Amino acid sequence: MAETFRFKQFSVEQDRCAMKIGTDGVLLGAWTSLEHQPETILDIGAGTGIISLMLAQRTADMSIFADIEAIELDEDAYEQCVENFENSPWGDRIFCYHAGFDEFVDEMEEPYDLIVSNPPFYSENVTSGDTSRDIARQNNSLPFEELLEGVAKLLSANGSFYCIIPHKEETTFLEMAKELNLFPKKVTRVKGREGSEFKRTLLELTKAENDCKISELTIEIERHQYTKEYIELTKDFYLKM
């Protein structure tokens, strides 16, 4: 199986990354709003670098030449992420740190206008036989609480934090966020197909309390037949759209 994933404006190598490119990362990269024209962006747990690359494309298309920084703990994923950044059209303004989130939070002094994360979220111990994949998927390597505590410290006063989590964790996650004075501004609940249960929740959190906008997104009508909403969201990236 080819490990190169080709998008309209860039390609991503993923043979050394435990977590391959999936719908979650692409959804988050496309759904994240750039309305407030962020000048500084942070991608927590970058993996292949897909979300950073999508945001680099989108900010270039909008003439917002934001500085994008990413952090990745796994050494193989970090090295591959750096290569993906360097091989992209935006290599001069995307940078990846090889660090754990806790040490990164302690060292950074300047806040970020936009923070994104597709965090590990299997709280139960999942074993696939691939240790690096298991670590990438299990949130004991970056618990939600630690993620939110770090975001609360790193986010600028008018900044936004975007993430994608399992729908079943939504209530607990938002309760944790509220304790840290992070409040939902936008919530989109995602289902794979019409008639199925919600599987994921996309969230925008800010430091100001808002009238939260709640919406739904369905990806497919049936196998490989995508909804208009999903096509509209991802058409600038997927070759097939």
Protein backbone atom coordinates (compact mmCIF):
# COMPACT_ATOMS: atom_id res chain seq x y z
CA MET A 1 0.00 0.00 0.00
CA ALA A 2 1.39 3.43 -0.95
CA GLU A 3 2.17 5.53 2.11
CA THR A 4 1.98 8.85 0.23
CA PHE A 5 -1.33 10.67 0.65
CA ARG A 6 -1.82 13.25 -2.09
CA PHE A 7 -3.96 16.33 -1.65
CA LYS A 8 -4.64 19.08 -4.19
CA GLN A 9 -1.79 21.37 -3.10
CA PHE A 10 0.52 19.10 -1.10
CA SER A 11 1.45 15.47 -0.36
CA VAL A 12 1.97 13.76 2.98
CA GLU A 13 4.30 10.84 3.67
CA GLN A 14 3.06 8.70 6.56
CA ASP A 15 5.03 5.42 6.55
CA ARG A 16 6.80 6.30 9.84
CA CYS A 17 3.74 7.68 11.64
CA ALA A 18 1.76 5.43 13.94
CA MET A 19 -1.48 7.27 13.21
CA LYS A 20 -2.20 7.49 9.50
CA ILE A 21 -4.23 10.26 7.87
CA GLY A 22 -7.90 9.79 8.63
CA THR A 23 -11.17 11.65 8.41
CA ASP A 24 -10.75 13.23 11.88
CA GLY A 25 -7.65 15.24 11.03
CA VAL A 26 -8.97 16.39 7.66
CA LEU A 27 -12.30 17.38 9.23
CA LEU A 28 -10.57 19.44 11.89
CA GLY A 29 -8.21 21.13 9.44
CA ALA A 30 -11.13 22.12 7.21
CA TRP A 31 -13.66 23.00 9.96
CA THR A 32 -11.37 25.26 11.99
CA SER A 33 -12.39 28.88 11.43
CA LEU A 34 -9.83 31.51 10.40
CA GLU A 35 -12.30 34.40 10.67
CA HIS A 36 -10.33 36.10 13.43
CA GLN A 37 -7.23 36.09 11.17
CA PRO A 38 -4.77 34.44 13.57
CA GLU A 39 -1.13 35.46 13.29
CA THR A 40 0.18 32.58 15.42
CA ILE A 41 -1.07 28.98 15.25
CA LEU A 42 -0.15 25.93 17.33
CA ASP A 43 -0.88 22.30 16.37
CA ILE A 44 -0.64 19.98 19.40
CA GLY A 45 0.34 16.39 18.57
CA ALA A 46 0.96 17.04 14.90
CA GLY A 47 1.52 13.45 13.71
CA THR A 48 2.03 13.61 9.93
CA GLY A 49 1.52 17.39 10.05
CA ILE A 50 -1.71 17.19 8.05
CA ILE A 51 -3.65 19.80 10.07
CA SER A 52 -0.77 22.31 10.02
CA LEU A 53 -0.42 21.84 6.26
CA MET A 54 -4.14 22.37 5.70
CA LEU A 55 -4.04 25.56 7.77
CA ALA A 56 -0.94 26.72 5.88
CA GLN A 57 -2.82 26.24 2.59
CA ARG A 58 -5.92 28.00 3.88
CA THR A 59 -4.06 30.98 5.35
CA ALA A 60 -2.05 31.36 2.11
CA ASP A 61 -5.28 31.28 0.10
CA MET A 62 -6.66 34.04 2.36
CA SER A 63 -3.38 36.02 2.38
CA ILE A 64 -3.04 35.51 6.15
CA PHE A 65 0.60 34.53 6.37
CA ALA A 66 0.37 33.09 9.85
CA ASP A 67 3.32 31.49 11.60
CA ILE A 68 2.40 27.87 12.29
CA GLU A 69 4.15 25.84 14.99
CA ALA A 70 3.54 22.19 15.77
CA ILE A 71 4.69 19.82 18.49
CA GLU A 72 5.10 16.05 18.25
CA LEU A 73 6.44 13.71 20.93
CA ASP A 74 7.08 10.54 18.91
CA GLU A 75 10.51 10.75 17.26
CA ASP A 76 9.63 8.97 14.01
CA ALA A 77 6.44 11.00 13.57
CA TYR A 78 8.35 14.21 14.38
CA GLU A 79 11.01 13.52 11.73
CA GLN A 80 8.38 12.69 9.14
CA CYS A 81 6.34 15.76 10.05
CA VAL A 82 9.41 17.98 9.52
CA GLU A 83 10.00 16.38 6.09
CA ASN A 84 6.36 16.90 5.13
CA PHE A 85 6.61 20.56 6.12
CA GLU A 86 9.87 21.06 4.22
CA ASN A 87 8.45 19.43 1.09
CA SER A 88 5.33 21.60 1.11
CA PRO A 89 4.91 25.01 -0.58
CA TRP A 90 4.82 26.64 2.89
CA GLY A 91 7.98 25.21 4.46
CA ASP A 92 9.24 28.68 5.36
CA ARG A 93 6.46 29.32 7.88
CA ILE A 94 5.70 25.94 9.47
CA PHE A 95 7.95 24.61 12.23
CA CYS A 96 7.75 21.46 14.35
CA TYR A 97 9.14 21.02 17.87
CA HIS A 98 10.15 17.58 19.15
CA ALA A 99 8.75 17.86 22.67
CA GLY A 100 6.20 16.67 25.18
CA PHE A 101 3.27 19.01 25.73
CA ASP A 102 3.98 19.61 29.42
CA GLU A 103 7.57 20.79 28.83
CA PHE A 104 6.45 22.87 25.85
CA VAL A 105 3.82 24.66 27.97
CA ASP A 106 6.42 25.44 30.66
CA GLU A 107 8.85 26.95 28.15
CA MET A 108 6.56 29.03 25.92
CA GLU A 109 5.97 32.64 26.88
CA GLU A 110 4.04 34.08 23.93
CA PRO A 111 0.36 33.09 23.57
CA TYR A 112 -1.21 31.70 20.38
CA ASP A 113 -4.19 33.16 18.51
CA LEU A 114 -5.27 29.72 17.32
CA ILE A 115 -4.60 26.28 18.82
CA VAL A 116 -5.69 23.02 17.18
CA SER A 117 -5.44 19.42 18.34
CA ASN A 118 -6.62 16.04 17.17
CA PRO A 119 -5.76 14.44 20.52
CA PRO A 120 -5.34 10.76 21.40
CA PHE A 121 -8.62 9.67 22.90
CA TYR A 122 -8.84 5.97 23.72
CA SER A 123 -8.88 6.09 27.51
CA GLU A 124 -9.18 2.34 27.77
CA ASN A 125 -6.01 0.33 27.10
CA VAL A 126 -6.13 -0.62 23.44
CA THR A 127 -3.54 -3.04 22.17
CA SER A 128 -3.03 -3.52 18.46
CA GLY A 129 0.42 -5.11 18.73
CA ASP A 130 1.96 -1.84 17.53
CA THR A 131 3.25 0.06 20.58
CA SER A 132 3.72 3.44 18.90
CA ARG A 133 0.22 3.26 17.38
CA ASP A 134 -1.27 2.36 20.76
CA ILE A 135 0.47 5.32 22.44
CA ALA A 136 -0.72 7.64 19.67
CA ARG A 137 -4.31 6.51 20.19
CA GLN A 138 -4.48 6.38 23.99
CA ASN A 139 -5.02 9.57 25.93
CA ASN A 140 -2.82 8.47 28.84
CA SER A 141 0.00 9.96 26.72
CA LEU A 142 -1.88 13.29 26.71
CA PRO A 143 -4.95 13.20 28.99
CA PHE A 144 -7.74 15.63 28.13
CA GLU A 145 -7.23 17.41 31.44
CA GLU A 146 -3.55 18.04 30.71
CA LEU A 147 -4.40 19.16 27.17
CA LEU A 148 -6.99 21.67 28.41
CA GLU A 149 -4.76 22.98 31.20
CA GLY A 150 -2.01 23.66 28.66
CA VAL A 151 -4.41 25.28 26.20
CA ALA A 152 -5.76 27.57 28.95
CA LYS A 153 -2.19 28.80 29.54
CA LEU A 154 -1.15 29.11 25.88
CA LEU A 155 -4.29 30.63 24.32
CA SER A 156 -4.41 34.40 23.80
CA ALA A 157 -7.27 36.38 25.34
CA ASN A 158 -9.19 36.54 22.06
CA GLY A 159 -7.89 33.24 20.67
CA SER A 160 -9.76 30.04 19.78
CA PHE A 161 -9.00 26.38 20.49
CA TYR A 162 -10.29 23.76 18.04
CA CYS A 163 -10.33 20.01 18.60
CA ILE A 164 -12.12 16.81 17.64
CA ILE A 165 -13.10 14.25 20.28
CA PRO A 166 -15.33 11.17 20.58
CA HIS A 167 -18.96 12.29 20.86
CA LYS A 168 -19.39 10.20 24.02
CA GLU A 169 -16.71 12.33 25.74
CA GLU A 170 -18.32 15.67 24.82
CA THR A 171 -20.09 16.45 28.11
CA THR A 172 -17.13 15.48 30.31
CA PHE A 173 -14.69 17.40 28.09
CA LEU A 174 -16.80 20.58 28.21
CA GLU A 175 -17.16 20.31 31.99
CA MET A 176 -13.36 20.07 32.33
CA ALA A 177 -12.96 23.03 29.97
CA LYS A 178 -15.42 25.17 31.96
CA GLU A 179 -13.38 24.59 35.13
CA LEU A 180 -10.45 26.21 33.28
CA ASN A 181 -12.59 29.09 31.95
CA LEU A 182 -12.74 27.73 28.42
CA PHE A 183 -16.21 27.93 26.90
CA PRO A 184 -17.81 26.44 23.78
CA LYS A 185 -18.46 28.85 20.91
CA LYS A 186 -19.19 26.27 18.23
CA VAL A 187 -20.11 22.57 18.45
CA THR A 188 -20.58 20.30 15.43
CA ARG A 189 -21.63 16.70 16.02
CA VAL A 190 -20.49 14.32 13.31
CA LYS A 191 -22.00 11.03 12.11
CA GLY A 192 -20.60 8.71 9.46
CA ARG A 193 -23.90 8.11 7.67
CA GLU A 194 -27.50 9.21 7.78
CA GLY A 195 -29.35 7.26 10.42
CA SER A 196 -26.22 6.33 12.39
CA GLU A 197 -25.22 7.62 15.82
CA PHE A 198 -22.94 10.59 16.35
CA LYS A 199 -19.33 9.45 16.42
CA ARG A 200 -17.28 12.63 16.83
CA THR A 201 -17.70 16.17 18.14
CA LEU A 202 -15.84 19.15 16.69
CA LEU A 203 -15.37 21.94 19.24
CA GLU A 204 -14.33 25.58 19.27
CA LEU A 205 -13.49 26.87 22.76
CA THR A 206 -12.66 30.44 23.77
CA LYS A 207 -11.92 32.33 26.99
CA ALA A 208 -15.14 34.32 26.65
CA GLU A 209 -18.59 32.89 27.33
CA ASN A 210 -20.64 32.77 24.13
CA ASP A 211 -23.99 31.86 22.71
CA CYS A 212 -22.85 28.48 21.47
CA LYS A 213 -23.78 27.50 17.91
CA ILE A 214 -24.64 23.80 17.66
CA SER A 215 -24.85 21.97 14.34
CA GLU A 216 -24.64 18.50 12.81
CA LEU A 217 -22.58 17.07 9.96
CA THR A 218 -23.11 13.78 8.13
CA ILE A 219 -20.20 12.51 6.02
CA GLU A 220 -21.80 9.92 3.72
CA ILE A 221 -25.25 9.24 2.32
CA GLU A 222 -24.00 5.73 1.57
CA ARG A 223 -20.58 4.17 0.96
CA HIS A 224 -18.38 6.63 -1.00
CA GLN A 225 -21.37 8.86 -1.72
CA TYR A 226 -20.61 12.02 0.23
CA THR A 227 -23.05 14.65 1.47
CA LYS A 228 -23.01 18.15 -0.06
CA GLU A 229 -21.92 19.59 3.31
CA TYR A 230 -18.90 17.27 3.57
CA ILE A 231 -17.87 17.91 -0.05
CA GLU A 232 -18.15 21.67 0.49
CA LEU A 233 -16.00 21.43 3.62
CA THR A 234 -13.21 19.31 2.11
CA LYS A 235 -13.26 20.12 -1.63
CA ASP A 236 -10.14 22.35 -1.46
CA PHE A 237 -8.08 19.39 -0.25
CA TYR A 238 -9.22 15.96 -1.44
CA LEU A 239 -8.37 15.07 -5.03
CA LYS A 240 -11.62 13.09 -5.30
CA MET A 241 -13.86 16.04 -4.37
